[in-house]
Amino acid sequence: MPVVNPAAGQLEEKQTSELTKANAVIDELMETSPEVIRLMEQSLKNITKYERSLCQYHLREKFQTALLQGGISTGIVCRLAKLMAYNTVRDVGCGARNGALFFIFTYYIYVKQLVLSEGI
């Protein structure tokens, strides 16, 4: 039988809890913040690469602020906000380019399902 380090299990559990909490903070922000909703809708439009990067930048700022206010560890806030902003703009843009009449934030739905089903 493999030897399991109890400290490693506790660290993994803490990280999973932190990511679940961060996901909930961003989900709520995406549903309730008029500014974030406007930025996501703007990224649906046929905009230039520069305008898309501006949307991503502003979303990253909003996500970072929300994560910090939500009590997420400062050590992961910057990287997580950047990743979430990038994926949001990319996924919304992909939906717009594919002619979707509605948009689903697939990254967040996938992560949420993964966290709930796999306990990641």
N, C-alpha and C. Protein backbone atom coordinates (compact mmCIF):
# COMPACT_ATOMS: atom_id res chain seq x y z
N MET A 1 0.83 -1.18 0.00
CA MET A 1 0.00 0.00 0.00
C MET A 1 0.87 1.24 0.00
N PRO A 2 0.48 2.25 -0.79
CA PRO A 2 1.27 3.48 -0.81
C PRO A 2 1.12 4.23 0.51
N VAL A 3 2.19 4.90 0.86
CA VAL A 3 2.19 5.70 2.08
C VAL A 3 1.60 7.06 1.74
N VAL A 4 0.59 7.45 2.47
CA VAL A 4 -0.08 8.72 2.22
C VAL A 4 0.37 9.73 3.28
N ASN A 5 0.81 10.85 2.82
CA ASN A 5 1.24 11.92 3.71
C ASN A 5 0.00 12.71 4.13
N PRO A 6 -0.37 12.70 5.42
CA PRO A 6 -1.55 13.44 5.87
C PRO A 6 -1.47 14.93 5.58
N ALA A 7 -0.28 15.49 5.64
CA ALA A 7 -0.13 16.92 5.37
C ALA A 7 -0.47 17.24 3.91
N ALA A 8 -0.09 16.35 3.00
CA ALA A 8 -0.39 16.54 1.57
C ALA A 8 -1.90 16.50 1.35
N GLY A 9 -2.58 15.61 2.03
CA GLY A 9 -4.04 15.53 1.91
C GLY A 9 -4.72 16.78 2.43
N GLN A 10 -4.21 17.31 3.51
CA GLN A 10 -4.77 18.55 4.07
C GLN A 10 -4.54 19.73 3.14
N LEU A 11 -3.34 19.78 2.53
CA LEU A 11 -3.03 20.85 1.60
C LEU A 11 -3.94 20.78 0.38
N GLU A 12 -4.13 19.58 -0.14
CA GLU A 12 -5.00 19.40 -1.30
C GLU A 12 -6.44 19.80 -0.96
N GLU A 13 -6.89 19.43 0.22
CA GLU A 13 -8.24 19.79 0.65
C GLU A 13 -8.37 21.31 0.77
N LYS A 14 -7.35 21.97 1.30
CA LYS A 14 -7.38 23.43 1.45
C LYS A 14 -7.41 24.09 0.08
N GLN A 15 -6.60 23.60 -0.86
CA GLN A 15 -6.57 24.16 -2.21
C GLN A 15 -7.90 23.97 -2.91
N THR A 16 -8.50 22.80 -2.76
CA THR A 16 -9.80 22.53 -3.36
C THR A 16 -10.85 23.48 -2.80
N SER A 17 -10.82 23.68 -1.50
CA SER A 17 -11.76 24.59 -0.86
C SER A 17 -11.57 26.01 -1.36
N GLU A 18 -10.32 26.41 -1.50
CA GLU A 18 -10.00 27.76 -1.98
C GLU A 18 -10.49 27.97 -3.41
N LEU A 19 -10.27 26.99 -4.28
CA LEU A 19 -10.72 27.10 -5.67
C LEU A 19 -12.25 27.09 -5.78
N THR A 20 -12.89 26.28 -4.95
CA THR A 20 -14.36 26.24 -4.94
C THR A 20 -14.91 27.60 -4.51
N LYS A 21 -14.31 28.17 -3.49
CA LYS A 21 -14.72 29.49 -3.00
C LYS A 21 -14.48 30.56 -4.08
N ALA A 22 -13.33 30.51 -4.73
CA ALA A 22 -13.00 31.48 -5.78
C ALA A 22 -13.99 31.38 -6.94
N ASN A 23 -14.33 30.16 -7.30
CA ASN A 23 -15.30 29.95 -8.38
C ASN A 23 -16.66 30.55 -8.02
N ALA A 24 -17.08 30.38 -6.78
CA ALA A 24 -18.35 30.94 -6.33
C ALA A 24 -18.32 32.47 -6.36
N VAL A 25 -17.20 33.05 -5.96
CA VAL A 25 -17.06 34.51 -5.98
C VAL A 25 -17.20 35.03 -7.40
N ILE A 26 -16.52 34.41 -8.35
CA ILE A 26 -16.56 34.85 -9.74
C ILE A 26 -17.94 34.59 -10.36
N ASP A 27 -18.54 33.45 -10.05
CA ASP A 27 -19.90 33.16 -10.55
C ASP A 27 -20.87 34.26 -10.12
N GLU A 28 -20.81 34.62 -8.85
CA GLU A 28 -21.71 35.65 -8.34
C GLU A 28 -21.44 36.99 -9.03
N LEU A 29 -20.19 37.33 -9.18
CA LEU A 29 -19.82 38.59 -9.84
C LEU A 29 -20.33 38.62 -11.28
N MET A 30 -20.19 37.51 -11.99
CA MET A 30 -20.62 37.44 -13.38
C MET A 30 -22.13 37.56 -13.52
N GLU A 31 -22.85 37.19 -12.49
CA GLU A 31 -24.31 37.25 -12.53
C GLU A 31 -24.87 38.57 -12.00
N THR A 32 -24.11 39.27 -11.18
CA THR A 32 -24.68 40.44 -10.49
C THR A 32 -24.03 41.77 -10.83
N SER A 33 -22.83 41.78 -11.35
CA SER A 33 -22.13 43.05 -11.61
C SER A 33 -22.48 43.58 -13.00
N PRO A 34 -23.15 44.73 -13.05
CA PRO A 34 -23.48 45.31 -14.36
C PRO A 34 -22.24 45.58 -15.22
N GLU A 35 -21.15 45.98 -14.59
CA GLU A 35 -19.91 46.26 -15.32
C GLU A 35 -19.33 44.99 -15.93
N VAL A 36 -19.32 43.91 -15.17
CA VAL A 36 -18.80 42.64 -15.68
C VAL A 36 -19.71 42.11 -16.79
N ILE A 37 -20.99 42.20 -16.60
CA ILE A 37 -21.93 41.76 -17.63
C ILE A 37 -21.74 42.58 -18.91
N ARG A 38 -21.55 43.89 -18.77
CA ARG A 38 -21.32 44.75 -19.94
C ARG A 38 -20.03 44.34 -20.66
N LEU A 39 -18.98 44.06 -19.90
CA LEU A 39 -17.72 43.64 -20.52
C LEU A 39 -17.87 42.31 -21.26
N MET A 40 -18.62 41.39 -20.68
CA MET A 40 -18.83 40.10 -21.34
C MET A 40 -19.66 40.28 -22.60
N GLU A 41 -20.68 41.13 -22.53
CA GLU A 41 -21.50 41.40 -23.71
C GLU A 41 -20.68 42.09 -24.79
N GLN A 42 -19.80 43.00 -24.38
CA GLN A 42 -18.94 43.69 -25.34
C GLN A 42 -18.04 42.69 -26.06
N SER A 43 -17.55 41.69 -25.35
CA SER A 43 -16.67 40.72 -25.99
C SER A 43 -17.43 39.81 -26.95
N LEU A 44 -18.75 39.83 -26.88
CA LEU A 44 -19.57 39.08 -27.84
C LEU A 44 -19.57 39.73 -29.22
N LYS A 45 -19.37 41.04 -29.24
CA LYS A 45 -19.45 41.80 -30.49
C LYS A 45 -18.22 41.52 -31.34
N ASN A 46 -18.33 41.89 -32.58
CA ASN A 46 -17.21 41.75 -33.50
C ASN A 46 -16.24 42.90 -33.23
N ILE A 47 -15.29 42.67 -32.33
CA ILE A 47 -14.37 43.72 -31.92
C ILE A 47 -12.94 43.34 -32.31
N THR A 48 -12.09 44.34 -32.31
CA THR A 48 -10.70 44.10 -32.69
C THR A 48 -9.98 43.32 -31.58
N LYS A 49 -8.81 42.83 -31.94
CA LYS A 49 -8.00 42.11 -30.98
C LYS A 49 -7.62 43.02 -29.81
N TYR A 50 -7.33 44.27 -30.11
CA TYR A 50 -6.99 45.24 -29.07
C TYR A 50 -8.17 45.46 -28.13
N GLU A 51 -9.37 45.63 -28.68
CA GLU A 51 -10.56 45.83 -27.84
C GLU A 51 -10.84 44.59 -26.99
N ARG A 52 -10.59 43.44 -27.56
CA ARG A 52 -10.77 42.19 -26.81
C ARG A 52 -9.78 42.12 -25.65
N SER A 53 -8.54 42.55 -25.89
CA SER A 53 -7.55 42.55 -24.81
C SER A 53 -7.91 43.57 -23.73
N LEU A 54 -8.55 44.68 -24.11
CA LEU A 54 -9.02 45.64 -23.11
C LEU A 54 -10.13 45.04 -22.25
N CYS A 55 -11.04 44.32 -22.87
CA CYS A 55 -12.10 43.64 -22.11
C CYS A 55 -11.46 42.67 -21.12
N GLN A 56 -10.50 41.93 -21.59
CA GLN A 56 -9.81 40.96 -20.72
C GLN A 56 -9.12 41.67 -19.56
N TYR A 57 -8.46 42.77 -19.84
CA TYR A 57 -7.76 43.53 -18.80
C TYR A 57 -8.74 44.03 -17.74
N HIS A 58 -9.86 44.61 -18.18
CA HIS A 58 -10.84 45.14 -17.23
C HIS A 58 -11.53 44.03 -16.44
N LEU A 59 -11.80 42.91 -17.09
CA LEU A 59 -12.36 41.77 -16.37
C LEU A 59 -11.38 41.26 -15.32
N ARG A 60 -10.11 41.20 -15.68
CA ARG A 60 -9.10 40.75 -14.73
C ARG A 60 -9.08 41.64 -13.49
N GLU A 61 -9.17 42.95 -13.70
CA GLU A 61 -9.20 43.88 -12.57
C GLU A 61 -10.42 43.62 -11.69
N LYS A 62 -11.58 43.45 -12.31
CA LYS A 62 -12.82 43.20 -11.55
C LYS A 62 -12.73 41.87 -10.81
N PHE A 63 -12.24 40.83 -11.48
CA PHE A 63 -12.12 39.52 -10.85
C PHE A 63 -11.14 39.57 -9.68
N GLN A 64 -10.03 40.25 -9.89
CA GLN A 64 -9.02 40.34 -8.84
C GLN A 64 -9.58 41.04 -7.60
N THR A 65 -10.27 42.15 -7.80
CA THR A 65 -10.88 42.87 -6.68
C THR A 65 -11.88 41.99 -5.95
N ALA A 66 -12.73 41.30 -6.70
CA ALA A 66 -13.75 40.45 -6.08
C ALA A 66 -13.12 39.29 -5.31
N LEU A 67 -12.09 38.69 -5.87
CA LEU A 67 -11.42 37.57 -5.19
C LEU A 67 -10.77 38.03 -3.89
N LEU A 68 -10.12 39.18 -3.92
CA LEU A 68 -9.52 39.71 -2.69
C LEU A 68 -10.58 40.02 -1.65
N GLN A 69 -11.67 40.65 -2.08
CA GLN A 69 -12.76 40.97 -1.15
C GLN A 69 -13.45 39.71 -0.65
N GLY A 70 -13.39 38.64 -1.44
CA GLY A 70 -14.00 37.37 -1.05
C GLY A 70 -13.13 36.54 -0.13
N GLY A 71 -11.96 37.07 0.21
CA GLY A 71 -11.09 36.38 1.15
C GLY A 71 -10.22 35.30 0.54
N ILE A 72 -10.03 35.34 -0.77
CA ILE A 72 -9.18 34.35 -1.43
C ILE A 72 -7.72 34.71 -1.16
N SER A 73 -6.90 33.71 -0.97
CA SER A 73 -5.49 33.89 -0.67
C SER A 73 -4.81 34.79 -1.70
N THR A 74 -4.10 35.80 -1.21
CA THR A 74 -3.45 36.74 -2.12
C THR A 74 -2.41 36.06 -3.01
N GLY A 75 -1.90 34.93 -2.59
CA GLY A 75 -0.90 34.22 -3.38
C GLY A 75 -1.42 33.68 -4.70
N ILE A 76 -2.71 33.46 -4.81
CA ILE A 76 -3.26 32.92 -6.06
C ILE A 76 -4.17 33.90 -6.80
N VAL A 77 -4.50 35.02 -6.18
CA VAL A 77 -5.48 35.94 -6.76
C VAL A 77 -5.07 36.45 -8.13
N CYS A 78 -3.87 36.95 -8.28
CA CYS A 78 -3.44 37.53 -9.56
C CYS A 78 -3.48 36.52 -10.70
N ARG A 79 -2.91 35.35 -10.45
CA ARG A 79 -2.87 34.32 -11.50
C ARG A 79 -4.26 33.80 -11.83
N LEU A 80 -5.07 33.60 -10.80
CA LEU A 80 -6.41 33.09 -11.01
C LEU A 80 -7.29 34.10 -11.75
N ALA A 81 -7.20 35.37 -11.37
CA ALA A 81 -7.98 36.42 -12.03
C ALA A 81 -7.58 36.52 -13.51
N LYS A 82 -6.30 36.44 -13.79
CA LYS A 82 -5.82 36.51 -15.17
C LYS A 82 -6.34 35.33 -15.99
N LEU A 83 -6.25 34.13 -15.43
CA LEU A 83 -6.74 32.94 -16.11
C LEU A 83 -8.24 33.01 -16.37
N MET A 84 -8.98 33.42 -15.36
CA MET A 84 -10.44 33.47 -15.50
C MET A 84 -10.86 34.55 -16.51
N ALA A 85 -10.19 35.70 -16.51
CA ALA A 85 -10.50 36.75 -17.47
C ALA A 85 -10.19 36.30 -18.89
N TYR A 86 -9.04 35.68 -19.07
CA TYR A 86 -8.66 35.19 -20.39
C TYR A 86 -9.68 34.18 -20.90
N ASN A 87 -10.03 33.21 -20.07
CA ASN A 87 -10.97 32.17 -20.49
C ASN A 87 -12.36 32.72 -20.73
N THR A 88 -12.78 33.70 -19.94
CA THR A 88 -14.09 34.30 -20.15
C THR A 88 -14.17 34.97 -21.51
N VAL A 89 -13.18 35.81 -21.83
CA VAL A 89 -13.18 36.50 -23.11
C VAL A 89 -13.06 35.51 -24.26
N ARG A 90 -12.20 34.51 -24.09
CA ARG A 90 -12.04 33.50 -25.14
C ARG A 90 -13.33 32.72 -25.36
N ASP A 91 -13.96 32.25 -24.28
CA ASP A 91 -15.16 31.43 -24.42
C ASP A 91 -16.34 32.23 -24.94
N VAL A 92 -16.48 33.46 -24.48
CA VAL A 92 -17.57 34.30 -24.99
C VAL A 92 -17.32 34.61 -26.45
N GLY A 93 -16.08 34.92 -26.81
CA GLY A 93 -15.75 35.20 -28.21
C GLY A 93 -15.98 34.02 -29.10
N CYS A 94 -15.66 32.82 -28.62
CA CYS A 94 -15.89 31.60 -29.41
C CYS A 94 -17.37 31.40 -29.65
N GLY A 95 -18.18 31.66 -28.63
CA GLY A 95 -19.63 31.55 -28.79
C GLY A 95 -20.15 32.53 -29.81
N ALA A 96 -19.62 33.75 -29.79
CA ALA A 96 -20.06 34.78 -30.74
C ALA A 96 -19.62 34.41 -32.15
N ARG A 97 -18.40 33.91 -32.30
CA ARG A 97 -17.91 33.55 -33.64
C ARG A 97 -18.66 32.35 -34.20
N ASN A 98 -19.20 31.52 -33.35
CA ASN A 98 -19.94 30.35 -33.83
C ASN A 98 -21.41 30.67 -34.07
N GLY A 99 -21.78 31.94 -33.98
CA GLY A 99 -23.14 32.35 -34.26
C GLY A 99 -24.13 32.02 -33.17
N ALA A 100 -23.68 31.87 -31.96
CA ALA A 100 -24.58 31.54 -30.85
C ALA A 100 -25.51 32.72 -30.57
N LEU A 101 -26.78 32.43 -30.37
CA LEU A 101 -27.74 33.47 -30.01
C LEU A 101 -27.70 33.74 -28.52
N PHE A 102 -27.16 32.85 -27.80
CA PHE A 102 -26.99 33.01 -26.36
C PHE A 102 -25.58 32.60 -26.02
N PHE A 103 -25.12 32.99 -24.87
CA PHE A 103 -23.77 32.59 -24.52
C PHE A 103 -23.76 31.86 -23.19
N ILE A 104 -22.94 30.85 -23.16
CA ILE A 104 -22.76 30.05 -21.96
C ILE A 104 -21.29 30.12 -21.62
N PHE A 105 -21.01 30.39 -20.42
CA PHE A 105 -19.62 30.50 -20.01
C PHE A 105 -19.12 29.09 -19.68
N THR A 106 -18.73 28.41 -20.74
CA THR A 106 -18.41 26.99 -20.63
C THR A 106 -17.30 26.70 -19.65
N TYR A 107 -16.33 27.56 -19.58
CA TYR A 107 -15.23 27.31 -18.65
C TYR A 107 -15.74 27.23 -17.21
N TYR A 108 -16.60 28.15 -16.83
CA TYR A 108 -17.08 28.19 -15.46
C TYR A 108 -18.07 27.05 -15.18
N ILE A 109 -18.87 26.73 -16.15
CA ILE A 109 -19.78 25.61 -15.98
C ILE A 109 -18.97 24.32 -15.81
N TYR A 110 -17.95 24.14 -16.66
CA TYR A 110 -17.10 22.96 -16.58
C TYR A 110 -16.40 22.88 -15.24
N VAL A 111 -15.79 23.98 -14.82
CA VAL A 111 -15.07 23.99 -13.54
C VAL A 111 -16.02 23.72 -12.39
N LYS A 112 -17.18 24.34 -12.44
CA LYS A 112 -18.16 24.14 -11.37
C LYS A 112 -18.57 22.67 -11.30
N GLN A 113 -18.86 22.07 -12.44
CA GLN A 113 -19.24 20.66 -12.46
C GLN A 113 -18.09 19.79 -11.97
N LEU A 114 -16.89 20.12 -12.41
CA LEU A 114 -15.71 19.36 -12.02
C LEU A 114 -15.52 19.42 -10.50
N VAL A 115 -15.65 20.60 -9.95
CA VAL A 115 -15.47 20.77 -8.51
C VAL A 115 -16.54 20.00 -7.76
N LEU A 116 -17.77 20.08 -8.23
CA LEU A 116 -18.86 19.40 -7.53
C LEU A 116 -18.80 17.89 -7.68
N SER A 117 -18.47 17.41 -8.88
CA SER A 117 -18.52 15.97 -9.11
C SER A 117 -17.24 15.24 -8.69
N GLU A 118 -16.11 15.88 -8.90
CA GLU A 118 -14.83 15.22 -8.65
C GLU A 118 -14.24 15.62 -7.29
N GLY A 119 -14.76 16.68 -6.71
CA GLY A 119 -14.21 17.15 -5.46
C GLY A 119 -12.83 17.77 -5.63
N ILE A 120 -12.60 18.34 -6.82
CA ILE A 120 -11.29 18.94 -7.11
C ILE A 120 -11.20 20.30 -6.48
